[in-house]
Amino acid sequence: MKISTNAIVSNSDMIKSYKACREKAEVFGKIFVLKNNQPDAVLISSEEYERLSVLIEYIDSLDESERAAFIEGLPALLAKKG
């Protein structure tokens, strides 16, 4: 996963300027929050949340064997995208 340095904020920046961080999440889809230079949290936009929710609900609807086949096929699917 490539993470733009523009999509990284410190925990103190998040506390001081939540609105600016939320706007940044809207632009990038998500921002990564660091605490003591370590990953602490991810703030995602509502649009990104909706997109991910659809995928999660689909995966949850699969039975165990379908889920295993879906997961097994992910590397090939991701290779096509890259």
N, C-alpha and C. Protein backbone atom coordinates (compact mmCIF):
# COMPACT_ATOMS: atom_id res chain seq x y z
N MET A 1 0.85 -1.16 0.00
CA MET A 1 0.00 0.00 0.00
C MET A 1 0.89 1.23 0.00
N LYS A 2 0.66 2.12 -0.94
CA LYS A 2 1.39 3.38 -0.99
C LYS A 2 0.61 4.41 -0.19
N ILE A 3 1.30 5.10 0.69
CA ILE A 3 0.67 6.13 1.52
C ILE A 3 1.34 7.45 1.22
N SER A 4 0.57 8.41 0.78
CA SER A 4 1.09 9.75 0.53
C SER A 4 1.42 10.41 1.86
N THR A 5 2.55 11.08 1.92
CA THR A 5 2.89 11.79 3.15
C THR A 5 1.87 12.88 3.45
N ASN A 6 1.15 13.33 2.43
CA ASN A 6 0.10 14.33 2.65
C ASN A 6 -1.10 13.74 3.39
N ALA A 7 -1.19 12.40 3.41
CA ALA A 7 -2.32 11.74 4.06
C ALA A 7 -1.95 11.24 5.45
N ILE A 8 -0.89 11.81 6.03
CA ILE A 8 -0.45 11.45 7.37
C ILE A 8 -0.53 12.68 8.25
N VAL A 9 -1.13 12.52 9.42
CA VAL A 9 -1.19 13.62 10.39
C VAL A 9 -0.79 13.09 11.76
N SER A 10 -0.33 13.98 12.59
CA SER A 10 0.00 13.58 13.95
C SER A 10 -1.25 13.58 14.81
N ASN A 11 -1.20 12.87 15.89
CA ASN A 11 -2.30 12.83 16.84
C ASN A 11 -2.61 14.25 17.34
N SER A 12 -1.57 15.03 17.61
CA SER A 12 -1.79 16.40 18.11
C SER A 12 -2.43 17.28 17.04
N ASP A 13 -2.07 17.08 15.75
CA ASP A 13 -2.73 17.84 14.68
C ASP A 13 -4.21 17.47 14.61
N MET A 14 -4.50 16.18 14.80
CA MET A 14 -5.90 15.73 14.77
C MET A 14 -6.69 16.40 15.89
N ILE A 15 -6.10 16.50 17.06
CA ILE A 15 -6.78 17.11 18.20
C ILE A 15 -6.96 18.61 17.97
N LYS A 16 -5.92 19.26 17.45
CA LYS A 16 -5.95 20.72 17.27
C LYS A 16 -6.81 21.16 16.11
N SER A 17 -6.82 20.38 15.02
CA SER A 17 -7.53 20.84 13.83
C SER A 17 -8.29 19.69 13.16
N TYR A 18 -9.28 19.19 13.88
CA TYR A 18 -10.06 18.06 13.37
C TYR A 18 -10.71 18.38 12.03
N LYS A 19 -11.24 19.59 11.89
CA LYS A 19 -11.94 19.95 10.66
C LYS A 19 -11.00 19.85 9.46
N ALA A 20 -9.79 20.36 9.59
CA ALA A 20 -8.83 20.28 8.49
C ALA A 20 -8.47 18.83 8.19
N CYS A 21 -8.34 18.01 9.23
CA CYS A 21 -8.04 16.59 9.04
C CYS A 21 -9.19 15.88 8.36
N ARG A 22 -10.41 16.22 8.74
CA ARG A 22 -11.59 15.61 8.11
C ARG A 22 -11.65 15.99 6.63
N GLU A 23 -11.34 17.24 6.32
CA GLU A 23 -11.33 17.68 4.93
C GLU A 23 -10.24 16.95 4.14
N LYS A 24 -9.11 16.73 4.77
CA LYS A 24 -8.02 15.99 4.13
C LYS A 24 -8.45 14.55 3.85
N ALA A 25 -9.20 13.95 4.77
CA ALA A 25 -9.71 12.60 4.57
C ALA A 25 -10.68 12.55 3.38
N GLU A 26 -11.45 13.61 3.19
CA GLU A 26 -12.35 13.67 2.04
C GLU A 26 -11.56 13.68 0.73
N VAL A 27 -10.43 14.38 0.72
CA VAL A 27 -9.60 14.46 -0.48
C VAL A 27 -8.90 13.14 -0.76
N PHE A 28 -8.29 12.55 0.26
CA PHE A 28 -7.50 11.34 0.09
C PHE A 28 -8.29 10.05 0.30
N GLY A 29 -9.51 10.15 0.82
CA GLY A 29 -10.30 8.96 1.14
C GLY A 29 -10.04 8.46 2.55
N LYS A 30 -8.79 8.66 2.98
CA LYS A 30 -8.42 8.26 4.34
C LYS A 30 -7.14 8.99 4.72
N ILE A 31 -6.97 9.21 6.01
CA ILE A 31 -5.71 9.74 6.52
C ILE A 31 -5.25 8.85 7.66
N PHE A 32 -3.96 8.79 7.82
CA PHE A 32 -3.34 7.98 8.85
C PHE A 32 -2.89 8.89 9.97
N VAL A 33 -3.26 8.54 11.19
CA VAL A 33 -2.93 9.34 12.37
C VAL A 33 -1.79 8.64 13.12
N LEU A 34 -0.73 9.40 13.36
CA LEU A 34 0.42 8.87 14.08
C LEU A 34 0.46 9.43 15.49
N LYS A 35 0.82 8.58 16.42
CA LYS A 35 1.04 9.00 17.81
C LYS A 35 2.45 8.54 18.16
N ASN A 36 3.29 9.48 18.56
CA ASN A 36 4.70 9.17 18.83
C ASN A 36 5.36 8.50 17.64
N ASN A 37 5.04 9.01 16.44
CA ASN A 37 5.59 8.51 15.17
C ASN A 37 5.25 7.05 14.88
N GLN A 38 4.20 6.54 15.49
CA GLN A 38 3.73 5.17 15.25
C GLN A 38 2.27 5.23 14.79
N PRO A 39 1.85 4.33 13.89
CA PRO A 39 0.44 4.32 13.47
C PRO A 39 -0.48 4.16 14.68
N ASP A 40 -1.50 4.99 14.73
CA ASP A 40 -2.43 4.97 15.86
C ASP A 40 -3.87 4.78 15.40
N ALA A 41 -4.24 5.42 14.27
CA ALA A 41 -5.62 5.35 13.82
C ALA A 41 -5.70 5.73 12.35
N VAL A 42 -6.85 5.44 11.75
CA VAL A 42 -7.13 5.86 10.38
C VAL A 42 -8.48 6.54 10.39
N LEU A 43 -8.53 7.72 9.79
CA LEU A 43 -9.79 8.44 9.64
C LEU A 43 -10.18 8.30 8.18
N ILE A 44 -11.36 7.71 7.93
CA ILE A 44 -11.81 7.53 6.55
C ILE A 44 -13.00 8.44 6.28
N SER A 45 -13.12 8.83 5.02
CA SER A 45 -14.25 9.66 4.62
C SER A 45 -15.52 8.81 4.63
N SER A 46 -16.65 9.48 4.66
CA SER A 46 -17.91 8.73 4.63
C SER A 46 -18.08 8.01 3.30
N GLU A 47 -17.56 8.59 2.23
CA GLU A 47 -17.62 7.94 0.91
C GLU A 47 -16.79 6.65 0.91
N GLU A 48 -15.60 6.71 1.48
CA GLU A 48 -14.75 5.52 1.57
C GLU A 48 -15.40 4.46 2.47
N TYR A 49 -16.03 4.90 3.55
CA TYR A 49 -16.72 3.98 4.45
C TYR A 49 -17.84 3.24 3.71
N GLU A 50 -18.62 3.97 2.93
CA GLU A 50 -19.71 3.35 2.18
C GLU A 50 -19.16 2.32 1.19
N ARG A 51 -18.07 2.68 0.50
CA ARG A 51 -17.45 1.78 -0.47
C ARG A 51 -16.97 0.50 0.21
N LEU A 52 -16.32 0.65 1.34
CA LEU A 52 -15.82 -0.52 2.07
C LEU A 52 -16.96 -1.34 2.67
N SER A 53 -18.01 -0.69 3.12
CA SER A 53 -19.15 -1.40 3.71
C SER A 53 -19.79 -2.35 2.71
N VAL A 54 -19.89 -1.93 1.46
CA VAL A 54 -20.47 -2.78 0.43
C VAL A 54 -19.64 -4.05 0.28
N LEU A 55 -18.33 -3.89 0.25
CA LEU A 55 -17.45 -5.05 0.12
C LEU A 55 -17.54 -5.97 1.34
N ILE A 56 -17.54 -5.40 2.52
CA ILE A 56 -17.64 -6.19 3.75
C ILE A 56 -18.95 -6.95 3.80
N GLU A 57 -20.05 -6.28 3.45
CA GLU A 57 -21.35 -6.96 3.45
C GLU A 57 -21.38 -8.11 2.44
N TYR A 58 -20.75 -7.90 1.28
CA TYR A 58 -20.69 -8.97 0.28
C TYR A 58 -19.92 -10.16 0.83
N ILE A 59 -18.75 -9.91 1.40
CA ILE A 59 -17.93 -11.00 1.94
C ILE A 59 -18.68 -11.71 3.07
N ASP A 60 -19.37 -10.97 3.91
CA ASP A 60 -20.15 -11.58 4.99
C ASP A 60 -21.28 -12.46 4.47
N SER A 61 -21.78 -12.14 3.27
CA SER A 61 -22.90 -12.93 2.72
C SER A 61 -22.45 -14.26 2.14
N LEU A 62 -21.15 -14.44 1.93
CA LEU A 62 -20.64 -15.68 1.35
C LEU A 62 -20.57 -16.79 2.40
N ASP A 63 -20.78 -18.01 1.94
CA ASP A 63 -20.57 -19.12 2.86
C ASP A 63 -19.07 -19.37 2.97
N GLU A 64 -18.68 -20.27 3.83
CA GLU A 64 -17.25 -20.47 4.13
C GLU A 64 -16.43 -20.83 2.89
N SER A 65 -16.94 -21.73 2.05
CA SER A 65 -16.17 -22.15 0.87
C SER A 65 -16.10 -21.02 -0.16
N GLU A 66 -17.19 -20.26 -0.33
CA GLU A 66 -17.18 -19.12 -1.25
C GLU A 66 -16.20 -18.04 -0.77
N ARG A 67 -16.19 -17.81 0.53
CA ARG A 67 -15.28 -16.83 1.11
C ARG A 67 -13.83 -17.24 0.89
N ALA A 68 -13.54 -18.52 1.09
CA ALA A 68 -12.18 -19.03 0.88
C ALA A 68 -11.77 -18.85 -0.58
N ALA A 69 -12.67 -19.14 -1.51
CA ALA A 69 -12.37 -18.99 -2.93
C ALA A 69 -12.15 -17.51 -3.28
N PHE A 70 -12.96 -16.65 -2.70
CA PHE A 70 -12.81 -15.21 -2.93
C PHE A 70 -11.45 -14.73 -2.45
N ILE A 71 -11.09 -15.12 -1.25
CA ILE A 71 -9.81 -14.71 -0.67
C ILE A 71 -8.65 -15.27 -1.47
N GLU A 72 -8.78 -16.52 -1.91
CA GLU A 72 -7.73 -17.15 -2.71
C GLU A 72 -7.53 -16.41 -4.04
N GLY A 73 -8.60 -15.86 -4.59
CA GLY A 73 -8.52 -15.15 -5.87
C GLY A 73 -8.04 -13.72 -5.75
N LEU A 74 -7.91 -13.20 -4.55
CA LEU A 74 -7.50 -11.81 -4.39
C LEU A 74 -6.12 -11.48 -4.98
N PRO A 75 -5.10 -12.30 -4.79
CA PRO A 75 -3.80 -11.93 -5.38
C PRO A 75 -3.88 -11.73 -6.90
N ALA A 76 -4.60 -12.57 -7.60
CA ALA A 76 -4.73 -12.42 -9.06
C ALA A 76 -5.51 -11.15 -9.39
N LEU A 77 -6.54 -10.88 -8.64
CA LEU A 77 -7.34 -9.69 -8.86
C LEU A 77 -6.52 -8.43 -8.62
N LEU A 78 -5.73 -8.43 -7.56
CA LEU A 78 -4.88 -7.28 -7.24
C LEU A 78 -3.75 -7.10 -8.26
N ALA A 79 -3.24 -8.21 -8.79
CA ALA A 79 -2.17 -8.13 -9.79
C ALA A 79 -2.70 -7.47 -11.07
N LYS A 80 -3.94 -7.74 -11.43
CA LYS A 80 -4.55 -7.11 -12.61
C LYS A 80 -4.69 -5.61 -12.42
N LYS A 81 -5.01 -5.22 -11.19
CA LYS A 81 -5.24 -3.80 -10.88
C LYS A 81 -3.93 -3.03 -10.91
N GLY A 82 -2.84 -3.63 -10.42
CA GLY A 82 -1.55 -2.96 -10.31
C GLY A 82 -0.90 -2.80 -11.63
